[in-house]
Amino acid sequence: MIAAVQSATLSGTSGRPVVVEVHIASGLPGFTIVGLPDAAVRESRDRVRAALLSSGFAWPMDRVTVNLAPTAIRKAGSSLDLAVAIGVLVAQGRIPAEVVTPLAFMGELGLDGSVRHVPGAIALADAALTDGIVVPETDAAEAAAVRPGRTFGASALRSLVDVLCGRSPWPSACAVAGDDDPDTGGRTRACGVPPSAFGDLLEVKGQRTGRRAVEVAAAGGHHLLLVGPPGSGKTMLAQRVPGLLPRLTRAEALDVTRIHSAAGLSSPEPGLFWEPPFRAPHHGASAVSLVGGGTWSMRPGEISLATNGVLFLDEMGEFPASVLDALRQPLEEGVVRVSRAKGTAIFPARFLLVGAMNPCPCGDGGLAGTCRCTPAARARYVRRLSGPLLDRFDLVIPLRRTDPDELLAPEPGEPSATVAGRVAAARELAARRGVTRNAALAAASLEELAPLSDAAASLLAGAVRAGRVSGRGLARVRRVARTIADLAGAEHLEEHHVAEALALRAGREVLEAVAL
């Protein structure tokens, strides 16, 4: 007796189709799973057996062999439990084979026969080779984002078998979460915390340059580094960046939901993640936790979880240099390629990097008479940010502690809602150029999309000759100037746009001088 059931397994942030073949033959009772299963898949034999018995089905007293095809692909996780159980029942003749042929089954089984949540439901649903899919009831809304009208939720094995055998009607296909749209009143999910929890830019007192840099970074997707002593407002400014970003498009929301689901960070709230993610790993994070990877299960790291959102590295000078240098390739290419002996995965990594660091170990570097660090200690501290990594920051802003007069009687600043309006307008202009943000403009297209006036070109050429800007930095300055011009509603890049873009990199020269 042989049965074949369609399913899928998770590999990185993508799903791969799997055919679960079940063979029941006479012989000594036993249960074998072949086809490169990991430990979680091998343990499914005990979960499946207990779930079938708890659901009122007899376990075959024969030899049961389960093959997971294609056998060359490693299978990880518990998403194949439900397909194995259905395959056993089909092979026993308890479920008609023609009923399960047009369906794919994904879900973990509890010992009581319940069908439980599995990570990566949206990726698994997308990988299925059948028209219809059956997933845990808790994951149905998420899976329906890619298969609206063809996704069915199951809460228990017993009730699912009753439906397959025609003893109960099919439930309505889930199609609510896949079509939710924040602009039409749909339900939303925030990655971590909602934007209101990040505070308002109006609360930042003083730091006019810092507030301007945050606006430019959000509008153009430009990487930002804030350098200053403790209490200067670095973290406060960085935490307000997500509140300036527009909500995600549907394509971006699907990407973010897929990544978070694959990492096991799905929210119990149904629907897609419509808010830009905000990730802030501790400076003790390892390179693997930052870029992703693992052994059997290739999980996305923090830089992938921040895709279409913000990755905030506070106390950046405390991160190991090797961990920081692991950011260089993802920042340049927008993806991270993780290779291990047991597999390879490619994760998306299109994020806005915001870093904050002290100018020296004691934190008071640059303040006359208060720094307690030796020149060698300051240079060692700054050198954790290598030159190539520092060159990938479009904006490097030196901050000083806010003047007491500004703290006690500050000038009223702009609220985040007002700044977010200008950011959204600048992003709309970028969309007309075929990119989501100006930081993604190709260098070859800058002559057409970021034309310089004669005075602006002369100023930029002088900065290159003086060694203030590298070849890569030249394109980055033009992209920042393009964003500044967009915020001002200007079509051409004038001299003052380029001058401001160069001024917003001034902190880079300060850090390079300390490192020497």
Protein backbone atom coordinates (compact mmCIF):
# COMPACT_ATOMS: atom_id res chain seq x y z
CA MET A 1 0.00 0.00 0.00
CA ILE A 2 1.52 3.27 -1.13
CA ALA A 3 0.30 6.86 -0.74
CA ALA A 4 1.75 10.17 -1.95
CA VAL A 5 0.88 13.49 -0.27
CA GLN A 6 2.09 16.94 -1.29
CA SER A 7 3.77 19.18 1.30
CA ALA A 8 6.66 21.65 1.62
CA THR A 9 9.65 22.33 3.82
CA LEU A 10 11.35 25.57 4.80
CA SER A 11 14.83 26.49 3.55
CA GLY A 12 15.96 29.91 4.71
CA THR A 13 13.08 32.24 3.88
CA SER A 14 11.84 30.14 0.96
CA GLY A 15 9.77 26.99 0.80
CA ARG A 16 10.60 23.90 -1.21
CA PRO A 17 7.96 21.42 -2.39
CA VAL A 18 8.16 17.93 -0.92
CA VAL A 19 6.26 14.74 -1.80
CA VAL A 20 5.65 12.56 1.26
CA GLU A 21 5.52 8.93 0.10
CA VAL A 22 4.18 6.39 2.61
CA HIS A 23 4.62 2.64 2.11
CA ILE A 24 2.98 0.09 4.40
CA ALA A 25 4.03 -3.53 3.99
CA SER A 26 3.91 -6.72 6.03
CA GLY A 27 6.88 -7.41 8.24
CA LEU A 28 8.17 -6.54 11.65
CA PRO A 29 6.41 -3.41 12.97
CA GLY A 30 8.53 -0.32 12.49
CA PHE A 31 8.53 3.27 11.29
CA THR A 32 11.38 4.61 9.15
CA ILE A 33 11.78 8.07 7.61
CA VAL A 34 14.28 8.55 4.78
CA GLY A 35 15.11 11.49 2.51
CA LEU A 36 17.62 13.58 4.47
CA PRO A 37 15.42 14.43 7.50
CA ASP A 38 16.76 16.50 10.39
CA ALA A 39 16.17 15.62 14.05
CA ALA A 40 12.78 17.37 14.16
CA VAL A 41 11.57 15.44 11.10
CA ARG A 42 12.82 12.11 12.45
CA GLU A 43 10.97 12.74 15.71
CA SER A 44 7.71 13.17 13.78
CA ARG A 45 7.22 9.39 13.86
CA ASP A 46 6.44 9.61 17.57
CA ARG A 47 4.23 12.69 17.19
CA VAL A 48 2.31 11.18 14.26
CA ARG A 49 1.74 7.87 16.02
CA ALA A 50 0.47 9.55 19.19
CA ALA A 51 -1.72 11.97 17.21
CA LEU A 52 -3.36 9.13 15.24
CA LEU A 53 -4.06 7.11 18.38
CA SER A 54 -5.43 10.16 20.22
CA SER A 55 -7.70 10.89 17.24
CA GLY A 56 -9.25 7.41 17.36
CA PHE A 57 -7.30 5.76 14.52
CA ALA A 58 -5.48 2.45 14.77
CA TRP A 59 -1.75 2.40 14.19
CA PRO A 60 -0.71 -0.13 11.51
CA MET A 61 1.06 -3.13 12.99
CA ASP A 62 3.22 -3.42 9.88
CA ARG A 63 6.39 -1.89 8.56
CA VAL A 64 5.87 1.78 7.65
CA THR A 65 8.42 3.54 5.44
CA VAL A 66 8.18 7.27 4.71
CA ASN A 67 10.23 8.77 1.88
CA LEU A 68 10.60 12.54 1.56
CA ALA A 69 11.21 13.37 -2.08
CA PRO A 70 13.31 14.82 -3.57
CA THR A 71 15.82 13.03 -1.40
CA ALA A 72 18.71 15.38 -2.26
CA ILE A 73 17.12 18.29 -0.34
CA ARG A 74 17.48 18.40 3.43
CA LYS A 75 14.18 18.60 5.29
CA ALA A 76 13.97 20.57 8.51
CA GLY A 77 11.29 21.41 11.04
CA SER A 78 7.93 19.93 11.91
CA SER A 79 5.87 21.16 8.95
CA LEU A 80 5.72 17.65 7.43
CA ASP A 81 3.88 16.04 10.40
CA LEU A 82 0.40 16.54 8.99
CA ALA A 83 1.34 15.24 5.54
CA VAL A 84 2.89 12.10 7.06
CA ALA A 85 -0.26 11.41 9.11
CA ILE A 86 -2.53 11.94 6.10
CA GLY A 87 -0.25 9.67 4.05
CA VAL A 88 -0.51 6.88 6.63
CA LEU A 89 -4.31 7.12 6.62
CA VAL A 90 -4.46 7.14 2.81
CA ALA A 91 -2.18 4.09 2.66
CA GLN A 92 -4.49 2.34 5.15
CA GLY A 93 -7.49 3.11 2.96
CA ARG A 94 -9.17 5.36 5.52
CA ILE A 95 -9.04 8.44 3.23
CA PRO A 96 -9.69 8.28 -0.53
CA ALA A 97 -6.48 9.04 -2.44
CA GLU A 98 -8.25 11.20 -5.01
CA VAL A 99 -9.41 13.58 -2.27
CA VAL A 100 -5.90 14.53 -1.13
CA THR A 101 -4.35 14.72 -4.63
CA PRO A 102 -5.27 18.39 -5.27
CA LEU A 103 -4.18 19.48 -1.78
CA ALA A 104 -0.90 20.11 0.06
CA PHE A 105 -0.71 19.62 3.81
CA MET A 106 1.58 21.55 6.18
CA GLY A 107 1.43 21.58 9.97
CA GLU A 108 2.86 20.24 13.21
CA LEU A 109 0.89 17.63 15.15
CA GLY A 110 0.43 17.65 18.89
CA LEU A 111 0.22 14.37 20.80
CA ASP A 112 -3.51 15.03 21.26
CA GLY A 113 -4.09 15.28 17.52
CA SER A 114 -4.18 19.08 17.35
CA VAL A 115 -2.67 20.85 14.34
CA ARG A 116 -0.19 23.47 15.51
CA HIS A 117 1.57 26.52 14.12
CA VAL A 118 4.68 26.11 11.97
CA PRO A 119 7.21 28.81 11.04
CA GLY A 120 7.23 30.11 7.49
CA ALA A 121 3.59 29.42 6.62
CA ILE A 122 3.58 32.03 3.87
CA ALA A 123 6.74 30.54 2.25
CA LEU A 124 5.40 27.01 2.55
CA ALA A 125 2.09 28.00 0.97
CA ASP A 126 3.90 29.71 -1.90
CA ALA A 127 6.01 26.60 -2.57
CA ALA A 128 3.14 24.11 -2.73
CA LEU A 129 2.58 22.57 -6.16
CA THR A 130 -1.17 22.11 -5.67
CA ASP A 131 -4.07 24.53 -6.07
CA GLY A 132 -5.35 24.11 -2.52
CA ILE A 133 -3.44 23.94 0.75
CA VAL A 134 -4.30 22.88 4.28
CA VAL A 135 -2.39 24.63 7.08
CA PRO A 136 -2.85 25.12 10.82
CA GLU A 137 -5.84 27.29 11.59
CA THR A 138 -3.57 29.84 13.27
CA ASP A 139 -1.53 30.19 10.06
CA ALA A 140 -4.41 30.25 7.57
CA ALA A 141 -4.70 34.04 7.41
CA GLU A 142 -0.97 34.40 6.73
CA ALA A 143 -0.90 31.68 4.06
CA ALA A 144 -3.93 33.23 2.36
CA ALA A 145 -1.77 36.26 1.53
CA VAL A 146 -0.28 34.27 -1.35
CA ARG A 147 -3.17 31.82 -1.94
CA PRO A 148 -6.40 33.72 -1.29
CA GLY A 149 -9.49 31.57 -1.66
CA ARG A 150 -7.47 28.33 -1.77
CA THR A 151 -6.27 28.12 1.83
CA PHE A 152 -8.03 25.97 4.42
CA GLY A 153 -7.28 25.98 8.13
CA ALA A 154 -7.27 22.83 10.28
CA SER A 155 -7.37 22.76 14.05
CA ALA A 156 -7.38 18.99 14.69
CA LEU A 157 -6.52 15.84 12.76
CA ARG A 158 -9.86 14.15 13.58
CA SER A 159 -11.99 16.97 12.19
CA LEU A 160 -9.77 17.26 9.10
CA VAL A 161 -10.21 13.56 8.32
CA ASP A 162 -13.99 13.93 8.70
CA VAL A 163 -13.91 16.71 6.10
CA LEU A 164 -11.71 14.71 3.70
CA CYS A 165 -14.00 11.69 3.99
CA GLY A 166 -17.10 13.77 3.33
CA ARG A 167 -18.57 13.40 6.82
CA SER A 168 -18.29 17.18 7.42
CA PRO A 169 -18.46 20.12 5.02
CA TRP A 170 -15.35 21.98 3.98
CA PRO A 171 -14.84 25.21 5.92
CA SER A 172 -14.82 28.46 4.00
CA ALA A 173 -11.47 29.15 2.38
CA CYS A 174 -9.50 31.80 4.24
CA ALA A 175 -9.18 34.96 2.17
CA VAL A 176 -9.30 37.83 4.63
CA ALA A 177 -5.72 38.56 5.62
CA GLY A 178 -4.26 38.32 2.15
CA ASP A 179 -6.39 41.21 0.91
CA ASP A 180 -6.09 43.52 3.90
CA ASP A 181 -4.76 46.95 3.01
CA PRO A 182 -3.95 49.64 5.59
CA ASP A 183 -5.27 52.31 3.27
CA THR A 184 -8.72 50.71 3.16
CA GLY A 185 -9.11 50.00 6.84
CA GLY A 186 -7.58 46.53 6.90
CA ARG A 187 -5.98 45.12 10.01
CA THR A 188 -2.28 45.77 10.39
CA ARG A 189 0.58 44.15 12.22
CA ALA A 190 3.63 45.92 13.51
CA CYS A 191 7.05 44.25 13.55
CA GLY A 192 7.84 44.59 17.24
CA VAL A 193 6.07 47.77 18.32
CA PRO A 194 3.82 50.30 16.56
CA PRO A 195 5.33 53.60 15.29
CA SER A 196 3.69 55.59 18.10
CA ALA A 197 5.86 53.73 20.61
CA PHE A 198 9.03 55.23 19.11
CA GLY A 199 8.15 58.73 20.24
CA ASP A 200 7.78 61.95 18.33
CA LEU A 201 10.53 64.04 16.76
CA LEU A 202 8.96 67.01 18.52
CA GLU A 203 10.38 65.63 21.79
CA VAL A 204 13.99 66.07 20.60
CA LYS A 205 15.27 69.35 21.99
CA GLY A 206 17.96 71.18 20.05
CA GLN A 207 20.14 69.07 17.73
CA ARG A 208 18.93 70.81 14.59
CA THR A 209 21.57 69.08 12.46
CA GLY A 210 20.68 65.70 13.91
CA ARG A 211 16.98 66.18 13.18
CA ARG A 212 17.76 67.25 9.63
CA ALA A 213 19.99 64.20 9.14
CA VAL A 214 17.24 61.88 10.37
CA GLU A 215 14.80 63.42 7.89
CA VAL A 216 17.22 63.08 4.96
CA ALA A 217 18.07 59.49 5.95
CA ALA A 218 14.40 58.49 6.11
CA ALA A 219 13.51 60.27 2.86
CA GLY A 220 16.28 58.73 0.77
CA GLY A 221 17.05 55.51 2.64
CA HIS A 222 20.57 56.77 3.35
CA HIS A 223 22.64 55.01 6.00
CA LEU A 224 23.23 57.24 9.02
CA LEU A 225 25.90 57.26 11.74
CA LEU A 226 25.51 59.50 14.79
CA VAL A 227 28.66 60.18 16.80
CA GLY A 228 28.57 62.02 20.12
CA PRO A 229 28.99 61.80 23.89
CA PRO A 230 26.41 60.16 26.17
CA GLY A 231 23.29 62.27 26.57
CA SER A 232 23.62 64.04 23.23
CA GLY A 233 20.44 62.44 21.87
CA LYS A 234 21.85 59.78 19.51
CA THR A 235 19.52 56.98 20.56
CA MET A 236 16.56 59.33 20.84
CA LEU A 237 17.04 60.50 17.26
CA ALA A 238 17.59 56.98 15.90
CA GLN A 239 14.46 55.58 17.56
CA ARG A 240 12.33 58.17 15.77
CA VAL A 241 13.39 57.14 12.29
CA PRO A 242 10.74 54.36 11.94
CA GLY A 243 8.00 56.88 12.72
CA LEU A 244 9.05 58.92 9.67
CA LEU A 245 8.91 56.04 7.19
CA PRO A 246 5.81 55.42 5.07
CA ARG A 247 3.84 52.22 5.45
CA LEU A 248 4.99 49.32 3.35
CA THR A 249 3.66 48.56 -0.09
CA ARG A 250 1.97 45.20 -0.56
CA ALA A 251 5.10 43.68 -2.14
CA GLU A 252 7.24 44.96 0.75
CA ALA A 253 4.70 43.71 3.32
CA LEU A 254 4.81 40.24 1.77
CA ASP A 255 8.63 40.21 1.95
CA VAL A 256 8.69 41.35 5.57
CA THR A 257 6.01 38.86 6.61
CA ARG A 258 7.81 36.03 4.81
CA ILE A 259 11.09 36.78 6.60
CA HIS A 260 9.58 37.18 10.06
CA SER A 261 7.47 34.06 9.63
CA ALA A 262 10.51 32.03 8.56
CA ALA A 263 12.33 33.24 11.68
CA GLY A 264 9.45 32.07 13.87
CA LEU A 265 8.43 35.61 14.77
CA SER A 266 4.88 35.48 13.44
CA SER A 267 2.37 37.45 15.45
CA PRO A 268 -0.85 35.80 16.62
CA GLU A 269 -2.63 38.75 15.02
CA PRO A 270 -3.73 37.74 11.49
CA GLY A 271 -2.61 39.60 8.42
CA LEU A 272 0.58 41.03 6.96
CA PHE A 273 3.23 43.22 8.55
CA TRP A 274 2.43 46.66 7.15
CA GLU A 275 4.72 48.73 9.41
CA PRO A 276 8.47 49.02 8.64
CA PRO A 277 10.41 46.73 11.01
CA PHE A 278 12.80 48.13 13.61
CA ARG A 279 15.58 45.86 14.87
CA ALA A 280 18.10 46.87 17.54
CA PRO A 281 20.44 43.96 18.41
CA HIS A 282 22.71 44.18 21.45
CA HIS A 283 26.39 44.90 20.82
CA GLY A 284 27.20 41.41 22.10
CA ALA A 285 25.40 39.84 19.12
CA SER A 286 27.41 37.30 17.13
CA ALA A 287 28.06 37.48 13.40
CA VAL A 288 25.69 34.54 12.80
CA SER A 289 22.85 36.21 14.69
CA LEU A 290 23.42 39.37 12.66
CA VAL A 291 23.79 37.96 9.13
CA GLY A 292 21.85 34.71 9.61
CA GLY A 293 22.69 31.05 9.11
CA GLY A 294 22.94 28.03 11.35
CA THR A 295 23.48 24.35 10.72
CA TRP A 296 20.37 22.44 9.73
CA SER A 297 17.98 25.37 9.90
CA MET A 298 19.24 28.37 7.95
CA ARG A 299 17.49 31.17 9.82
CA PRO A 300 17.49 34.82 8.75
CA GLY A 301 19.55 37.17 10.91
CA GLU A 302 18.90 40.66 12.20
CA ILE A 303 19.87 42.36 8.95
CA SER A 304 17.26 40.32 7.07
CA LEU A 305 14.62 40.91 9.75
CA ALA A 306 15.24 44.65 9.24
CA THR A 307 14.50 44.43 5.49
CA ASN A 308 12.35 47.37 4.34
CA GLY A 309 12.87 48.92 7.76
CA VAL A 310 15.58 50.10 10.15
CA LEU A 311 18.55 48.26 11.66
CA PHE A 312 19.77 50.28 14.65
CA LEU A 313 23.19 49.46 16.06
CA ASP A 314 23.52 51.34 19.33
CA GLU A 315 27.00 51.56 20.92
CA MET A 316 28.42 50.63 17.54
CA GLY A 317 31.97 51.04 18.81
CA GLU A 318 31.41 48.13 21.19
CA PHE A 319 30.59 45.64 18.42
CA PRO A 320 33.51 43.36 17.42
CA ALA A 321 35.18 44.57 14.24
CA SER A 322 34.58 41.20 12.53
CA VAL A 323 30.84 41.48 13.18
CA LEU A 324 30.67 45.01 11.78
CA ASP A 325 32.63 44.07 8.67
CA ALA A 326 30.08 41.34 7.97
CA LEU A 327 27.71 44.21 7.08
CA ARG A 328 29.79 45.44 4.16
CA GLN A 329 28.60 43.03 1.47
CA PRO A 330 24.88 43.14 2.44
CA LEU A 331 24.98 46.96 2.48
CA GLU A 332 26.36 47.00 -1.05
CA GLU A 333 24.29 44.22 -2.66
CA GLY A 334 21.05 44.16 -0.67
CA VAL A 335 21.29 40.42 -0.02
CA VAL A 336 23.34 38.18 2.24
CA ARG A 337 24.63 34.81 1.04
CA VAL A 338 25.14 32.29 3.81
CA SER A 339 27.10 29.14 2.95
CA ARG A 340 27.50 26.23 5.32
CA ALA A 341 28.70 22.66 4.81
CA LYS A 342 25.09 21.46 5.01
CA GLY A 343 23.44 24.08 2.85
CA THR A 344 23.37 27.52 1.26
CA ALA A 345 20.76 30.25 1.58
CA ILE A 346 20.27 33.75 0.19
CA PHE A 347 18.44 36.21 2.45
CA PRO A 348 17.20 39.69 1.53
CA ALA A 349 18.99 42.54 3.31
CA ARG A 350 17.58 45.85 2.08
CA PHE A 351 17.56 47.93 5.23
CA LEU A 352 18.32 51.42 6.48
CA LEU A 353 21.33 51.22 8.79
CA VAL A 354 21.39 53.71 11.66
CA GLY A 355 24.41 53.56 13.95
CA ALA A 356 25.21 55.42 17.15
CA MET A 357 28.55 55.50 18.91
CA ASN A 358 30.61 57.47 21.37
CA PRO A 359 33.71 59.25 20.04
CA CYS A 360 35.94 57.29 22.44
CA PRO A 361 35.72 54.60 25.18
CA CYS A 362 35.01 57.11 27.98
CA GLY A 363 32.46 58.88 25.81
CA ASP A 364 33.71 62.42 26.30
CA GLY A 365 36.05 62.64 23.32
CA GLY A 366 35.93 66.04 21.68
CA LEU A 367 34.93 67.80 24.89
CA ALA A 368 37.81 70.00 26.00
CA GLY A 369 39.51 68.78 29.15
CA THR A 370 37.06 65.98 29.96
CA CYS A 371 38.27 63.01 27.86
CA ARG A 372 40.18 60.46 29.93
CA CYS A 373 41.33 58.26 27.03
CA THR A 374 44.79 58.11 25.57
CA PRO A 375 45.22 58.88 21.84
CA ALA A 376 45.99 55.20 21.24
CA ALA A 377 42.79 54.10 23.02
CA ARG A 378 40.69 56.54 20.98
CA ALA A 379 42.28 55.37 17.73
CA ARG A 380 41.76 51.69 18.66
CA TYR A 381 38.11 52.36 19.45
CA VAL A 382 37.36 54.18 16.19
CA ARG A 383 39.22 51.62 14.09
CA ARG A 384 36.52 49.06 14.85
CA LEU A 385 34.70 50.78 12.02
CA SER A 386 36.91 49.95 9.05
CA GLY A 387 37.38 52.48 6.28
CA PRO A 388 35.27 50.52 3.75
CA LEU A 389 32.39 50.22 6.25
CA LEU A 390 32.59 53.89 7.20
CA ASP A 391 32.52 54.79 3.50
CA ARG A 392 29.15 53.07 3.19
CA PHE A 393 27.53 55.58 5.54
CA ASP A 394 25.98 58.38 3.52
CA LEU A 395 25.53 60.59 6.57
CA VAL A 396 28.00 60.81 9.47
CA ILE A 397 26.88 63.40 12.01
CA PRO A 398 28.96 64.63 14.98
CA LEU A 399 26.72 65.63 17.90
CA ARG A 400 27.46 67.64 21.02
CA ARG A 401 25.48 67.73 24.21
CA THR A 402 22.48 70.00 23.89
CA ASP A 403 22.92 73.53 25.22
CA PRO A 404 21.14 74.04 28.60
CA ASP A 405 19.17 76.96 27.20
CA GLU A 406 17.77 74.71 24.46
CA LEU A 407 16.87 72.06 27.02
CA LEU A 408 15.10 74.47 29.37
CA ALA A 409 13.54 76.83 26.83
CA PRO A 410 13.71 75.04 23.50
CA GLU A 411 12.50 76.35 20.19
CA PRO A 412 9.45 74.37 19.11
CA GLY A 413 10.48 71.75 16.58
CA GLU A 414 8.47 69.91 13.96
CA PRO A 415 6.39 66.87 14.90
CA SER A 416 7.06 63.54 13.24
CA ALA A 417 3.80 63.74 11.30
CA THR A 418 4.92 66.91 9.50
CA VAL A 419 8.36 65.52 8.67
CA ALA A 420 6.82 62.18 7.61
CA GLY A 421 4.72 64.09 5.06
CA ARG A 422 7.85 65.47 3.38
CA VAL A 423 9.49 62.03 3.57
CA ALA A 424 6.49 60.43 1.84
CA ALA A 425 6.60 63.08 -0.91
CA ALA A 426 10.33 62.43 -1.49
CA ARG A 427 9.72 58.68 -1.61
CA GLU A 428 6.99 59.25 -4.19
CA LEU A 429 9.45 61.14 -6.39
CA ALA A 430 11.90 58.23 -6.05
CA ALA A 431 9.16 55.80 -7.08
CA ARG A 432 8.66 57.75 -10.29
CA ARG A 433 12.33 57.11 -11.04
CA GLY A 434 11.76 53.37 -10.68
CA VAL A 435 13.26 52.88 -7.19
CA THR A 436 11.80 52.79 -3.70
CA ARG A 437 14.34 55.29 -2.36
CA ASN A 438 17.09 57.48 -3.80
CA ALA A 439 19.82 55.43 -2.13
CA ALA A 440 18.97 52.67 -4.61
CA LEU A 441 19.62 54.81 -7.70
CA ALA A 442 22.17 53.19 -10.00
CA ALA A 443 25.41 55.14 -10.43
CA ALA A 444 24.99 55.04 -14.22
CA SER A 445 21.62 56.81 -13.96
CA LEU A 446 22.78 59.73 -11.82
CA GLU A 447 23.72 61.90 -14.79
CA GLU A 448 20.12 61.77 -15.96
CA LEU A 449 18.26 61.58 -12.64
CA ALA A 450 20.53 63.80 -10.53
CA PRO A 451 21.83 66.49 -12.93
CA LEU A 452 24.32 68.93 -11.42
CA SER A 453 24.53 72.64 -12.04
CA ASP A 454 27.96 73.99 -13.03
CA ALA A 455 28.58 75.36 -9.52
CA ALA A 456 27.47 72.08 -7.90
CA ALA A 457 29.72 70.03 -10.19
CA SER A 458 32.68 72.30 -9.41
CA LEU A 459 32.11 71.96 -5.66
CA LEU A 460 31.87 68.17 -5.88
CA ALA A 461 34.99 67.93 -8.06
CA GLY A 462 36.91 69.97 -5.50
CA ALA A 463 35.86 67.60 -2.71
CA VAL A 464 37.11 64.62 -4.73
CA ARG A 465 40.46 66.29 -5.50
CA ALA A 466 40.91 67.17 -1.83
CA GLY A 467 40.42 63.54 -0.87
CA ARG A 468 37.28 64.22 1.13
CA VAL A 469 35.20 61.91 -1.06
CA SER A 470 36.15 58.55 -2.60
CA GLY A 471 34.89 57.14 -5.89
CA ARG A 472 32.11 55.26 -4.10
CA GLY A 473 31.44 58.26 -1.90
CA LEU A 474 30.99 60.47 -4.96
CA ALA A 475 27.87 58.58 -6.04
CA ARG A 476 26.62 58.53 -2.46
CA VAL A 477 26.96 62.31 -2.13
CA ARG A 478 25.00 62.80 -5.35
CA ARG A 479 22.23 60.52 -4.11
CA VAL A 480 22.02 62.43 -0.83
CA ALA A 481 21.98 65.73 -2.72
CA ARG A 482 19.17 64.31 -4.87
CA THR A 483 17.16 63.60 -1.72
CA ILE A 484 17.85 67.08 -0.31
CA ALA A 485 16.68 68.61 -3.59
CA ASP A 486 13.54 66.42 -3.53
CA LEU A 487 12.71 67.58 0.01
CA ALA A 488 13.00 71.16 -1.27
CA GLY A 489 10.98 70.44 -4.41
CA ALA A 490 13.93 71.22 -6.74
CA GLU A 491 14.53 69.37 -10.00
CA HIS A 492 18.25 70.11 -10.50
CA LEU A 493 21.02 69.76 -7.92
CA GLU A 494 22.29 73.21 -7.02
CA GLU A 495 25.47 74.12 -5.18
CA HIS A 496 23.74 74.42 -1.78
CA HIS A 497 22.24 70.93 -2.14
CA VAL A 498 25.69 69.42 -2.70
CA ALA A 499 27.18 71.59 0.06
CA GLU A 500 24.64 70.26 2.55
CA ALA A 501 25.24 66.67 1.41
CA LEU A 502 28.98 67.15 2.01
CA ALA A 503 28.35 68.80 5.39
CA LEU A 504 26.25 65.81 6.47
CA ARG A 505 29.37 63.65 6.03
CA ALA A 506 31.57 65.89 8.18
CA GLY A 507 31.75 63.40 11.03
CA ARG A 508 33.57 60.95 8.78
CA GLU A 509 36.59 63.23 8.57
CA VAL A 510 36.57 63.62 12.37
CA LEU A 511 36.59 59.84 12.88
CA GLU A 512 39.35 59.35 10.31
CA ALA A 513 41.49 61.97 12.04
CA VAL A 514 41.07 60.19 15.40
CA ALA A 515 41.96 56.81 13.85
CA LEU A 516 45.31 58.09 12.54
